[in-house]
Amino acid sequence: MTAAIAEMVRGLDAEALVSLREKARVHLDERLRERTDVALIDGEYRLTGSFYEKQLRLVLRNCFIIDPKNVEDYVAIGGYAALSRVLTEMTPDEVVGEMTRSNLRGRGGAGFPTGKKWAEALRHDVPQKYIVCNADEGDPGAFMDRSVLENDPHAVLEGMAIAGYAVGANMGFIYVRAEYPLAVEHLKIAIAQARERGLLGRGILGSDFGFDIELRLGSGAFVCGEGTALIESIEGKRGMPRTKVYRTSHRGLWDCPTIINNVETFANVPLIMDRGADWFLGIGTEDSPGTKVFSLVGKVCNAGLVEVPMGTTIEEIVYGIAGAPRRGTR
């Protein structure tokens, strides 16, 4: 990082963020120009090769392209622009309204509408609310959330900050497995960089909005992937599911309204706020717009992470992208 950029990033406001983006983009362009596996297409950098041709990488858009330990790289490709726009141009009601209209469904499995969950938390007028990112990914063979945290942590931080502004929360927690050491390391670096540059903490981007994030490390208990068990664990108790008398958006962490979304859900938020609900609704299906990330493992020719529009068939993923089972296997 040059001395000029280093001086600029201290205490960023909305105007300084734009200036930093322009200068940081020059350095990113110079570096990526030397790579043969990355191409600039329609103003966006994309990974090249047959494995990626049939994918639509939105959540994974920055993975293996930017340096996850360098916040300037994330800013260079448009990072924190959505947060800046939200803080300067939109009210919390408008943010929740846009999320509701986008019909983004939670990517953790239940598929609950994100905007509906946020609206529930917003309507409770209480002094303390929380945002929780469920990064307790314990399914065998699954490494979608881990990859995003390792390779694009600022996308999750930005999504959580937008959620905090939308519902009136000033504190967030990322509950991540301790056996994901690289994800934990990159999150710690990203949080420190965001705080240093005024992207977390008090007066974010020169506004009167404050929001901070802390990590909580899980010990590998599979049950803590369930929202209320996760909350119990953050509170220092044994991770066991609660009897759901109230939704967590009403009474969650320390009996305060709490938004729990997973890594992939939060990573979608900056894109929706930057490009709009109409853009998001044009991807996927009518009932479930957007994309979904899958882990391809096992006896296939091309293993790895795949991101495709909702509505894509398993056959297309396994035979079209994974290259079908390897010869001699079923």
Protein backbone atom coordinates (compact mmCIF):
# COMPACT_ATOMS: atom_id res chain seq x y z
CA MET A 1 0.00 0.00 0.00
CA THR A 2 1.45 3.37 -0.99
CA ALA A 3 1.90 6.19 1.52
CA ALA A 4 -0.74 8.25 -0.29
CA ILE A 5 -3.35 5.51 0.03
CA ALA A 6 -2.35 4.77 3.63
CA GLU A 7 -2.97 8.41 4.56
CA MET A 8 -6.30 8.45 2.72
CA VAL A 9 -7.82 5.38 4.36
CA ARG A 10 -7.65 6.70 7.91
CA GLY A 11 -11.13 7.75 9.04
CA LEU A 12 -12.85 7.35 5.68
CA ASP A 13 -16.00 9.28 4.90
CA ALA A 14 -18.20 8.77 1.83
CA GLU A 15 -16.18 11.15 -0.34
CA ALA A 16 -12.83 9.72 0.73
CA LEU A 17 -14.13 6.21 0.01
CA VAL A 18 -14.71 7.16 -3.63
CA SER A 19 -11.20 8.63 -3.93
CA LEU A 20 -9.67 5.56 -2.33
CA ARG A 21 -11.58 3.29 -4.72
CA GLU A 22 -10.19 5.09 -7.75
CA LYS A 23 -6.59 4.90 -6.54
CA ALA A 24 -6.84 1.34 -5.21
CA ARG A 25 -8.37 0.17 -8.50
CA VAL A 26 -5.26 1.28 -10.37
CA HIS A 27 -3.07 -0.92 -8.18
CA LEU A 28 -5.48 -3.86 -8.42
CA ASP A 29 -5.62 -3.57 -12.22
CA GLU A 30 -1.84 -3.60 -12.45
CA ARG A 31 -1.60 -6.73 -10.34
CA LEU A 32 -4.40 -8.68 -12.00
CA ARG A 33 -3.16 -7.81 -15.47
CA GLU A 34 -0.32 -10.24 -14.86
CA ARG A 35 -2.62 -13.18 -14.14
CA THR A 36 -3.73 -15.53 -16.91
CA ASP A 37 -6.64 -17.08 -14.98
CA VAL A 38 -8.55 -13.79 -14.56
CA ALA A 39 -10.31 -11.73 -17.25
CA LEU A 40 -11.97 -8.31 -17.17
CA ILE A 41 -15.50 -8.81 -18.55
CA ASP A 42 -18.06 -5.98 -18.59
CA GLY A 43 -15.99 -4.07 -16.05
CA GLU A 44 -15.78 -6.97 -13.59
CA TYR A 45 -12.97 -9.41 -12.98
CA ARG A 46 -13.92 -13.06 -13.41
CA LEU A 47 -12.10 -16.35 -13.16
CA THR A 48 -11.64 -18.04 -16.53
CA GLY A 49 -11.77 -21.68 -17.55
CA SER A 50 -14.42 -24.26 -18.40
CA PHE A 51 -15.25 -24.88 -14.73
CA TYR A 52 -16.49 -21.28 -14.35
CA GLU A 53 -18.16 -20.76 -17.74
CA LYS A 54 -21.55 -22.20 -16.69
CA GLN A 55 -21.56 -20.51 -13.29
CA LEU A 56 -22.95 -17.17 -12.18
CA ARG A 57 -20.63 -16.15 -9.36
CA LEU A 58 -22.15 -13.38 -7.28
CA VAL A 59 -21.51 -14.43 -3.68
CA LEU A 60 -18.18 -15.88 -4.86
CA ARG A 61 -17.48 -12.93 -7.17
CA ASN A 62 -14.30 -11.85 -5.38
CA CYS A 63 -13.01 -15.23 -4.21
CA PHE A 64 -9.52 -16.05 -5.54
CA ILE A 65 -9.40 -12.66 -7.27
CA ILE A 66 -8.77 -10.09 -4.53
CA ASP A 67 -6.43 -10.31 -1.56
CA PRO A 68 -8.72 -11.04 1.44
CA LYS A 69 -6.17 -9.50 3.81
CA ASN A 70 -6.20 -6.16 2.00
CA VAL A 71 -9.28 -3.97 2.48
CA GLU A 72 -8.12 -1.74 -0.40
CA ASP A 73 -8.67 -4.63 -2.81
CA TYR A 74 -12.27 -4.98 -1.63
CA VAL A 75 -12.84 -1.23 -1.92
CA ALA A 76 -11.27 -1.24 -5.40
CA ILE A 77 -13.95 -3.58 -6.78
CA GLY A 78 -16.80 -1.56 -5.23
CA GLY A 79 -16.66 -2.74 -1.65
CA TYR A 80 -18.49 -0.65 0.97
CA ALA A 81 -20.18 1.40 -1.76
CA ALA A 82 -23.52 -0.17 -0.83
CA LEU A 83 -23.01 0.69 2.85
CA SER A 84 -22.10 4.26 1.88
CA ARG A 85 -25.23 4.58 -0.26
CA VAL A 86 -27.44 3.17 2.48
CA LEU A 87 -26.06 5.57 5.09
CA THR A 88 -26.29 8.68 2.89
CA GLU A 89 -29.39 8.07 0.78
CA MET A 90 -31.75 5.65 2.54
CA THR A 91 -33.73 5.35 5.75
CA PRO A 92 -33.86 2.08 7.69
CA ASP A 93 -37.44 1.57 6.50
CA GLU A 94 -36.31 1.95 2.90
CA VAL A 95 -33.51 -0.56 3.36
CA VAL A 96 -35.87 -3.12 4.89
CA GLY A 97 -38.37 -2.41 2.12
CA GLU A 98 -35.77 -3.06 -0.58
CA MET A 99 -34.68 -6.28 1.08
CA THR A 100 -38.30 -7.39 1.38
CA ARG A 101 -38.96 -6.62 -2.27
CA SER A 102 -35.84 -8.54 -3.35
CA ASN A 103 -37.29 -11.70 -1.76
CA LEU A 104 -33.83 -12.86 -0.72
CA ARG A 105 -34.40 -16.08 1.18
CA GLY A 106 -32.05 -17.20 3.92
CA ARG A 107 -29.33 -19.40 2.48
CA GLY A 108 -28.86 -21.40 5.67
CA GLY A 109 -31.47 -24.00 4.77
CA ALA A 110 -34.86 -22.78 6.02
CA GLY A 111 -35.29 -20.25 3.20
CA PHE A 112 -37.08 -17.70 5.42
CA PRO A 113 -37.48 -14.30 3.68
CA THR A 114 -34.69 -12.04 4.89
CA GLY A 115 -36.68 -8.83 4.55
CA LYS A 116 -39.54 -10.23 6.61
CA LYS A 117 -37.12 -11.18 9.39
CA TRP A 118 -35.52 -7.72 9.34
CA ALA A 119 -38.93 -6.01 9.38
CA GLU A 120 -39.87 -7.89 12.53
CA ALA A 121 -36.74 -6.67 14.34
CA LEU A 122 -37.15 -3.11 13.07
CA ARG A 123 -40.64 -2.72 14.48
CA HIS A 124 -39.49 -3.39 18.07
CA ASP A 125 -38.53 -0.06 19.63
CA VAL A 126 -35.93 -1.15 22.20
CA PRO A 127 -32.48 0.27 23.05
CA GLN A 128 -30.47 -2.84 22.18
CA LYS A 129 -30.59 -5.15 19.17
CA TYR A 130 -28.05 -7.55 17.69
CA ILE A 131 -26.92 -8.95 14.34
CA VAL A 132 -25.54 -12.49 14.35
CA CYS A 133 -23.81 -14.23 11.46
CA ASN A 134 -24.18 -17.99 11.68
CA ALA A 135 -20.91 -19.35 10.30
CA ASP A 136 -21.18 -22.68 12.12
CA GLU A 137 -21.01 -24.77 8.98
CA GLY A 138 -20.92 -28.40 10.09
CA ASP A 139 -22.42 -30.46 7.28
CA PRO A 140 -20.02 -33.12 5.94
CA GLY A 141 -18.33 -31.98 2.75
CA ALA A 142 -19.65 -28.42 3.02
CA PHE A 143 -17.19 -25.55 2.75
CA MET A 144 -19.25 -22.76 1.15
CA ASP A 145 -19.29 -20.37 4.10
CA ARG A 146 -15.70 -21.14 5.03
CA SER A 147 -14.53 -20.20 1.54
CA VAL A 148 -16.34 -16.85 1.61
CA LEU A 149 -14.92 -16.01 5.04
CA GLU A 150 -11.42 -16.99 3.95
CA ASN A 151 -11.49 -15.21 0.59
CA ASP A 152 -13.96 -12.31 0.90
CA PRO A 153 -14.54 -11.48 4.58
CA HIS A 154 -15.37 -7.80 4.00
CA ALA A 155 -18.48 -8.74 1.99
CA VAL A 156 -19.89 -10.35 5.14
CA LEU A 157 -18.87 -7.43 7.36
CA GLU A 158 -20.52 -4.97 4.96
CA GLY A 159 -23.71 -7.04 4.81
CA MET A 160 -23.89 -7.19 8.60
CA ALA A 161 -23.34 -3.43 8.94
CA ILE A 162 -26.17 -2.77 6.47
CA ALA A 163 -28.40 -5.10 8.48
CA GLY A 164 -27.45 -3.26 11.66
CA TYR A 165 -28.42 0.10 10.16
CA ALA A 166 -31.67 -1.34 8.81
CA VAL A 167 -32.96 -2.74 12.10
CA GLY A 168 -31.30 -0.37 14.56
CA ALA A 169 -28.57 -2.64 15.92
CA ASN A 170 -25.14 -1.41 16.99
CA MET A 171 -23.45 -4.74 17.69
CA GLY A 172 -22.85 -7.89 15.69
CA PHE A 173 -21.30 -11.29 16.33
CA ILE A 174 -19.86 -13.83 13.90
CA TYR A 175 -20.13 -17.34 15.32
CA VAL A 176 -17.49 -19.37 13.49
CA ARG A 177 -15.96 -22.77 14.10
CA ALA A 178 -12.56 -22.74 15.77
CA GLU A 179 -11.41 -25.48 13.36
CA TYR A 180 -11.55 -22.90 10.56
CA PRO A 181 -8.25 -21.21 11.52
CA LEU A 182 -7.70 -19.43 8.20
CA ALA A 183 -11.25 -18.04 8.22
CA VAL A 184 -10.76 -16.84 11.80
CA GLU A 185 -7.42 -15.24 10.94
CA HIS A 186 -8.81 -13.40 7.90
CA LEU A 187 -11.87 -12.25 9.83
CA LYS A 188 -9.69 -10.82 12.60
CA ILE A 189 -7.61 -8.94 10.03
CA ALA A 190 -10.71 -7.68 8.18
CA ILE A 191 -12.41 -6.47 11.36
CA ALA A 192 -9.25 -4.66 12.49
CA GLN A 193 -8.83 -3.01 9.08
CA ALA A 194 -12.50 -1.97 8.97
CA ARG A 195 -12.25 -0.42 12.43
CA GLU A 196 -9.05 1.42 11.55
CA ARG A 197 -10.63 2.93 8.45
CA GLY A 198 -13.91 3.96 10.01
CA LEU A 199 -15.94 1.20 8.34
CA LEU A 200 -16.80 -0.31 11.74
CA GLY A 201 -17.14 1.37 15.11
CA ARG A 202 -18.51 4.83 15.85
CA GLY A 203 -19.46 7.26 13.11
CA ILE A 204 -19.12 4.87 10.17
CA LEU A 205 -18.12 6.74 7.00
CA GLY A 206 -18.66 10.05 8.79
CA SER A 207 -22.29 9.30 9.65
CA ASP A 208 -23.94 9.14 13.06
CA PHE A 209 -24.36 5.38 12.75
CA GLY A 210 -22.17 3.10 14.82
CA PHE A 211 -21.78 -0.66 14.51
CA ASP A 212 -19.11 -3.08 15.65
CA ILE A 213 -18.49 -6.81 15.19
CA GLU A 214 -16.88 -9.42 17.42
CA LEU A 215 -15.97 -13.05 16.81
CA ARG A 216 -17.22 -15.96 18.86
CA LEU A 217 -15.51 -19.30 18.27
CA GLY A 218 -17.54 -22.49 18.42
CA SER A 219 -16.11 -25.80 19.59
CA GLY A 220 -17.55 -27.92 16.81
CA ALA A 221 -20.92 -28.87 18.31
CA PHE A 222 -23.16 -29.63 15.34
CA VAL A 223 -26.28 -28.52 17.24
CA CYS A 224 -24.93 -24.96 17.49
CA GLY A 225 -25.74 -24.50 13.83
CA GLU A 226 -29.34 -24.12 15.04
CA GLY A 227 -30.06 -20.47 15.76
CA THR A 228 -31.21 -20.61 19.36
CA ALA A 229 -28.49 -23.10 20.34
CA LEU A 230 -25.97 -20.72 18.78
CA ILE A 231 -27.40 -17.88 20.86
CA GLU A 232 -27.10 -19.96 24.03
CA SER A 233 -23.45 -20.62 23.19
CA ILE A 234 -22.69 -16.92 22.60
CA GLU A 235 -24.25 -16.18 25.99
CA GLY A 236 -21.79 -18.60 27.57
CA LYS A 237 -24.27 -21.38 28.18
CA ARG A 238 -24.43 -24.94 26.92
CA GLY A 239 -25.39 -24.91 23.24
CA MET A 240 -28.90 -26.35 23.34
CA PRO A 241 -31.95 -25.27 21.32
CA ARG A 242 -34.52 -23.13 23.07
CA THR A 243 -38.24 -23.74 23.12
CA LYS A 244 -39.35 -21.23 20.51
CA VAL A 245 -41.98 -19.17 22.27
CA TYR A 246 -40.70 -16.07 20.48
CA ARG A 247 -38.87 -15.60 17.21
CA THR A 248 -35.27 -14.49 17.65
CA SER A 249 -36.09 -11.29 15.75
CA HIS A 250 -38.31 -10.47 18.73
CA ARG A 251 -36.36 -12.00 21.64
CA GLY A 252 -33.01 -13.52 20.84
CA LEU A 253 -29.53 -12.80 22.19
CA TRP A 254 -29.84 -11.68 25.82
CA ASP A 255 -33.59 -11.41 25.20
CA CYS A 256 -33.08 -8.61 22.67
CA PRO A 257 -34.29 -8.54 19.05
CA THR A 258 -31.68 -10.45 17.06
CA ILE A 259 -31.20 -11.01 13.36
CA ILE A 260 -29.55 -14.34 12.55
CA ASN A 261 -28.50 -14.93 8.95
CA ASN A 262 -25.76 -17.11 7.56
CA VAL A 263 -22.61 -16.12 5.68
CA GLU A 264 -24.03 -16.54 2.19
CA THR A 265 -27.12 -14.49 3.03
CA PHE A 266 -25.10 -11.55 4.34
CA ALA A 267 -22.76 -11.71 1.33
CA ASN A 268 -25.78 -11.13 -0.93
CA VAL A 269 -26.88 -7.98 0.91
CA PRO A 270 -24.30 -5.48 -0.49
CA LEU A 271 -25.06 -6.64 -4.03
CA ILE A 272 -28.80 -6.12 -3.59
CA MET A 273 -28.37 -2.68 -2.03
CA ASP A 274 -25.89 -1.67 -4.73
CA ARG A 275 -27.68 -3.04 -7.81
CA GLY A 276 -31.27 -3.01 -6.58
CA ALA A 277 -34.04 -5.50 -5.91
CA ASP A 278 -35.17 -5.49 -9.55
CA TRP A 279 -31.75 -6.71 -10.68
CA PHE A 280 -31.80 -9.49 -8.06
CA LEU A 281 -35.33 -10.54 -9.01
CA GLY A 282 -34.13 -11.09 -12.57
CA ILE A 283 -31.92 -13.98 -11.44
CA GLY A 284 -33.15 -17.41 -10.43
CA THR A 285 -36.84 -18.28 -10.08
CA GLU A 286 -39.90 -16.21 -9.25
CA ASP A 287 -40.28 -17.73 -5.78
CA SER A 288 -36.57 -17.91 -5.00
CA PRO A 289 -34.44 -15.33 -6.81
CA GLY A 290 -30.68 -15.11 -6.78
CA THR A 291 -28.00 -17.77 -6.80
CA LYS A 292 -26.95 -20.66 -4.58
CA VAL A 293 -23.47 -21.89 -3.72
CA PHE A 294 -22.82 -25.64 -3.61
CA SER A 295 -19.86 -27.78 -2.62
CA LEU A 296 -18.96 -30.36 -5.23
CA VAL A 297 -17.06 -33.21 -3.57
CA GLY A 298 -16.60 -36.91 -4.09
CA LYS A 299 -16.14 -38.91 -7.25
CA VAL A 300 -16.56 -36.15 -9.82
CA CYS A 301 -14.11 -34.81 -12.37
CA ASN A 302 -14.27 -31.20 -11.18
CA ALA A 303 -14.60 -30.77 -7.42
CA GLY A 304 -14.91 -27.36 -5.78
CA LEU A 305 -17.38 -24.58 -5.14
CA VAL A 306 -20.13 -23.92 -7.67
CA GLU A 307 -22.53 -20.96 -7.77
CA VAL A 308 -25.54 -21.15 -10.07
CA PRO A 309 -28.92 -19.40 -10.38
CA MET A 310 -31.77 -20.83 -8.33
CA GLY A 311 -33.71 -23.27 -10.47
CA THR A 312 -30.61 -24.93 -11.93
CA THR A 313 -31.08 -28.70 -11.90
CA ILE A 314 -28.82 -31.14 -10.07
CA GLU A 315 -28.20 -32.80 -13.41
CA GLU A 316 -26.81 -29.55 -14.84
CA ILE A 317 -24.51 -29.15 -11.84
CA VAL A 318 -23.23 -32.73 -11.70
CA TYR A 319 -22.92 -33.42 -15.42
CA GLY A 320 -22.57 -29.93 -16.85
CA ILE A 321 -20.15 -28.38 -14.34
CA ALA A 322 -18.71 -31.20 -12.26
CA GLY A 323 -18.02 -33.21 -15.41
CA ALA A 324 -20.01 -36.25 -14.24
CA PRO A 325 -18.66 -39.05 -12.03
CA ARG A 326 -15.15 -40.18 -12.81
CA ARG A 327 -14.80 -43.20 -15.03
CA GLY A 328 -15.27 -46.46 -13.18
CA THR A 329 -17.45 -44.95 -10.43
CA ARG A 330 -21.18 -44.63 -9.88
